[in-house]
C-alpha atoms as a PDB file:
ATOM      1  CA  UNK A   1      98.337 109.256 105.042  1.00  0.00           C
ATOM      2  CA  UNK A   2     100.601 111.989 103.177  1.00  0.00           C
ATOM      3  CA  UNK A   3     103.814 110.999 105.272  1.00  0.00           C
ATOM      4  CA  UNK A   4     103.102 107.319 104.729  1.00  0.00           C
ATOM      5  CA  UNK A   5     102.759 108.116 100.990  1.00  0.00           C
ATOM      6  CA  UNK A   6     106.111 110.013 100.892  1.00  0.00           C
ATOM      7  CA  UNK A   7     107.802 106.989 102.548  1.00  0.00           C
ATOM      8  CA  UNK A   8     106.220 104.395 100.192  1.00  0.00           C
ATOM      9  CA  UNK A   9     107.151 106.546  97.308  1.00  0.00           C
ATOM     10  CA  UNK A  10     110.778 107.129  98.290  1.00  0.00           C
ATOM     11  CA  UNK A  11     111.326 103.324  99.256  1.00  0.00           C
ATOM     12  CA  UNK A  12     109.944 102.378  95.574  1.00  0.00           C
ATOM     13  CA  UNK A  13     112.067 104.820  93.973  1.00  0.00           C
ATOM     14  CA  UNK A  14     115.184 103.880  95.799  1.00  0.00           C
ATOM     15  CA  UNK A  15     114.221 100.265  94.959  1.00  0.00           C
ATOM     16  CA  UNK A  16     113.665 101.067  91.197  1.00  0.00           C
ATOM     17  CA  UNK A  17     116.864 103.006  91.001  1.00  0.00           C
ATOM     18  CA  UNK A  18     119.114 100.283  92.532  1.00  0.00           C
ATOM     19  CA  UNK A  19     117.430  97.745  90.424  1.00  0.00           C
ATOM     20  CA  UNK A  20     118.445  99.559  87.399  1.00  0.00           C
ATOM     21  CA  UNK A  21     122.002  99.996  88.678  1.00  0.00           C
ATOM     22  CA  UNK A  22     122.005 103.739  88.829  1.00  0.00           C
ATOM     23  CA  UNK A  23     123.331 106.130  91.363  1.00  0.00           C
ATOM     24  CA  UNK A  24     121.463 108.816  92.980  1.00  0.00           C
ATOM     25  CA  UNK A  25     123.736 111.335  90.682  1.00  0.00           C
ATOM     26  CA  UNK A  26     123.097 109.421  87.406  1.00  0.00           C
ATOM     27  CA  UNK A  27     119.263 109.572  88.053  1.00  0.00           C
ATOM     28  CA  UNK A  28     119.112 113.034  89.163  1.00  0.00           C
ATOM     29  CA  UNK A  29     120.887 113.936  85.852  1.00  0.00           C
ATOM     30  CA  UNK A  30     118.719 111.922  83.826  1.00  0.00           C
ATOM     31  CA  UNK A  31     115.667 113.545  85.181  1.00  0.00           C
ATOM     32  CA  UNK A  32     117.130 117.091  85.460  1.00  0.00           C
ATOM     33  CA  UNK A  33     117.260 117.304  89.179  1.00  0.00           C
ATOM     34  CA  UNK A  34     119.814 117.606  91.885  1.00  0.00           C
ATOM     35  CA  UNK A  35     121.156 114.776  93.879  1.00  0.00           C
ATOM     36  CA  UNK A  36     119.546 116.332  96.972  1.00  0.00           C
ATOM     37  CA  UNK A  37     116.303 116.221  95.554  1.00  0.00           C
ATOM     38  CA  UNK A  38     116.542 112.757  94.632  1.00  0.00           C
ATOM     39  CA  UNK A  39     117.792 111.739  97.905  1.00  0.00           C
ATOM     40  CA  UNK A  40     115.077 113.898  99.682  1.00  0.00           C
ATOM     41  CA  UNK A  41     112.212 111.689  97.497  1.00  0.00           C
ATOM     42  CA  UNK A  42     114.261 108.422  98.494  1.00  0.00           C
ATOM     43  CA  UNK A  43     114.150 109.376 102.361  1.00  0.00           C
ATOM     44  CA  UNK A  44     110.447 110.214 102.016  1.00  0.00           C
ATOM     45  CA  UNK A  45     111.154 113.977 102.806  1.00  0.00           C
ATOM     46  CA  UNK A  46     109.380 115.203  99.472  1.00  0.00           C
ATOM     47  CA  UNK A  47     106.722 113.729  97.309  1.00  0.00           C
ATOM     48  CA  UNK A  48     107.817 114.134  93.571  1.00  0.00           C
ATOM     49  CA  UNK A  49     105.168 115.361  90.843  1.00  0.00           C
ATOM     50  CA  UNK A  50     103.509 112.860  88.684  1.00  0.00           C
ATOM     51  CA  UNK A  51     105.221 113.957  85.652  1.00  0.00           C
ATOM     52  CA  UNK A  52     108.705 113.328  87.577  1.00  0.00           C
ATOM     53  CA  UNK A  53     107.548 109.993  88.815  1.00  0.00           C
ATOM     54  CA  UNK A  54     106.557 108.911  85.289  1.00  0.00           C
ATOM     55  CA  UNK A  55     110.212 109.987  84.130  1.00  0.00           C
ATOM     56  CA  UNK A  56     111.410 107.865  87.088  1.00  0.00           C
ATOM     57  CA  UNK A  57     109.484 104.820  86.090  1.00  0.00           C
ATOM     58  CA  UNK A  58     110.571 104.995  82.334  1.00  0.00           C
ATOM     59  CA  UNK A  59     114.032 105.414  83.241  1.00  0.00           C
ATOM     60  CA  UNK A  60     114.129 102.447  85.600  1.00  0.00           C
ATOM     61  CA  UNK A  61     111.721 100.323  83.513  1.00  0.00           C
ATOM     62  CA  UNK A  62     109.049 100.009  85.926  1.00  0.00           C
ATOM     63  CA  UNK A  63     105.401 100.606  85.945  1.00  0.00           C
ATOM     64  CA  UNK A  64     104.318 104.143  87.300  1.00  0.00           C
ATOM     65  CA  UNK A  65     101.528 102.574  89.377  1.00  0.00           C
ATOM     66  CA  UNK A  66     104.288 100.231  91.158  1.00  0.00           C
ATOM     67  CA  UNK A  67     106.028 103.503  92.482  1.00  0.00           C
ATOM     68  CA  UNK A  68     102.740 104.733  94.052  1.00  0.00           C
ATOM     69  CA  UNK A  69     100.494 101.791  95.059  1.00  0.00           C
ATOM     70  CA  UNK A  70     100.228 101.136  98.891  1.00  0.00           C
ATOM     71  CA  UNK A  71     101.982  97.865 100.022  1.00  0.00           C
ATOM     72  CA  UNK A  72      99.518  95.197 101.647  1.00  0.00           C
ATOM     73  CA  UNK A  73     100.531  93.321 104.807  1.00  0.00           C
ATOM     74  CA  UNK A  74     102.307  93.632 108.031  1.00  0.00           C
ATOM     75  CA  UNK A  75     105.677  95.342 108.784  1.00  0.00           C
ATOM     76  CA  UNK A  76     107.130  98.683 108.023  1.00  0.00           C
ATOM     77  CA  UNK A  77     105.392 100.145 105.268  1.00  0.00           C
ATOM     78  CA  UNK A  78     108.504 101.598 103.430  1.00  0.00           C
ATOM     79  CA  UNK A  79     110.882  98.492 104.018  1.00  0.00           C
ATOM     80  CA  UNK A  80     107.938  96.384 102.351  1.00  0.00           C
ATOM     81  CA  UNK A  81     107.236  98.877  99.533  1.00  0.00           C
ATOM     82  CA  UNK A  82     110.793  98.692  98.596  1.00  0.00           C
ATOM     83  CA  UNK A  83     111.027  94.829  98.870  1.00  0.00           C
ATOM     84  CA  UNK A  84     108.199  94.262  96.635  1.00  0.00           C
ATOM     85  CA  UNK A  85     109.527  96.506  93.890  1.00  0.00           C
ATOM     86  CA  UNK A  86     112.961  94.472  94.366  1.00  0.00           C
ATOM     87  CA  UNK A  87     111.060  91.508  94.022  1.00  0.00           C
ATOM     88  CA  UNK A  88     109.244  92.548  90.723  1.00  0.00           C
ATOM     89  CA  UNK A  89     112.814  93.912  89.538  1.00  0.00           C
ATOM     90  CA  UNK A  90     114.174  90.450  90.010  1.00  0.00           C
ATOM     91  CA  UNK A  91     111.549  88.484  88.536  1.00  0.00           C
ATOM     92  CA  UNK A  92     111.780  90.595  85.245  1.00  0.00           C
ATOM     93  CA  UNK A  93     115.439  89.528  84.888  1.00  0.00           C
ATOM     94  CA  UNK A  94     114.822  85.910  85.283  1.00  0.00           C
ATOM     95  CA  UNK A  95     114.470  83.337  82.283  1.00  0.00           C
ATOM     96  CA  UNK A  96     110.776  82.054  82.360  1.00  0.00           C
ATOM     97  CA  UNK A  97     111.653  78.783  84.005  1.00  0.00           C
ATOM     98  CA  UNK A  98     113.492  80.158  86.664  1.00  0.00           C
ATOM     99  CA  UNK A  99     110.555  82.458  87.368  1.00  0.00           C
ATOM    100  CA  UNK A 100     108.365  79.517  87.631  1.00  0.00           C
ATOM    101  CA  UNK A 101     110.495  78.026  90.277  1.00  0.00           C
ATOM    102  CA  UNK A 102     110.473  81.361  92.026  1.00  0.00           C
ATOM    103  CA  UNK A 103     106.689  81.867  92.107  1.00  0.00           C
ATOM    104  CA  UNK A 104     106.358  78.377  93.546  1.00  0.00           C
ATOM    105  CA  UNK A 105     109.205  79.064  96.184  1.00  0.00           C
ATOM    106  CA  UNK A 106     107.376  82.099  97.233  1.00  0.00           C
ATOM    107  CA  UNK A 107     103.916  80.560  97.072  1.00  0.00           C
ATOM    108  CA  UNK A 108     105.599  77.830  99.506  1.00  0.00           C
ATOM    109  CA  UNK A 109     106.652  80.490 101.858  1.00  0.00           C
ATOM    110  CA  UNK A 110     103.459  82.191 101.694  1.00  0.00           C
ATOM    111  CA  UNK A 111     101.531  78.832 102.860  1.00  0.00           C
ATOM    112  CA  UNK A 112     103.998  78.290 106.042  1.00  0.00           C
ATOM    113  CA  UNK A 113     103.010  79.472 109.348  1.00  0.00           C
ATOM    114  CA  UNK A 114     105.981  81.578 110.218  1.00  0.00           C
END
């Protein structure tokens, strides 16, 4: 589970960073870490302490829990974790009416047999 958690957190940190239009270097500077440290987190090589995750969450305007909660469903866990966070970031940027449309579209995908 530890390796899976590293992978989930890494994918979510990367997705949050990208959704905030930050480079690894910019994020590293903002949280007072090296680019290598951020890269290791994003690749699932290291698990950051909670205080660092909280700083990353604040900087990327995402909920701390969204960086650590396990994704539900099939597929590659780290890929799914990143995609779920991207979906939330896109949703936050949409005007309310477009968000309603997006939710209906996603609901329609959910009900289809794929």
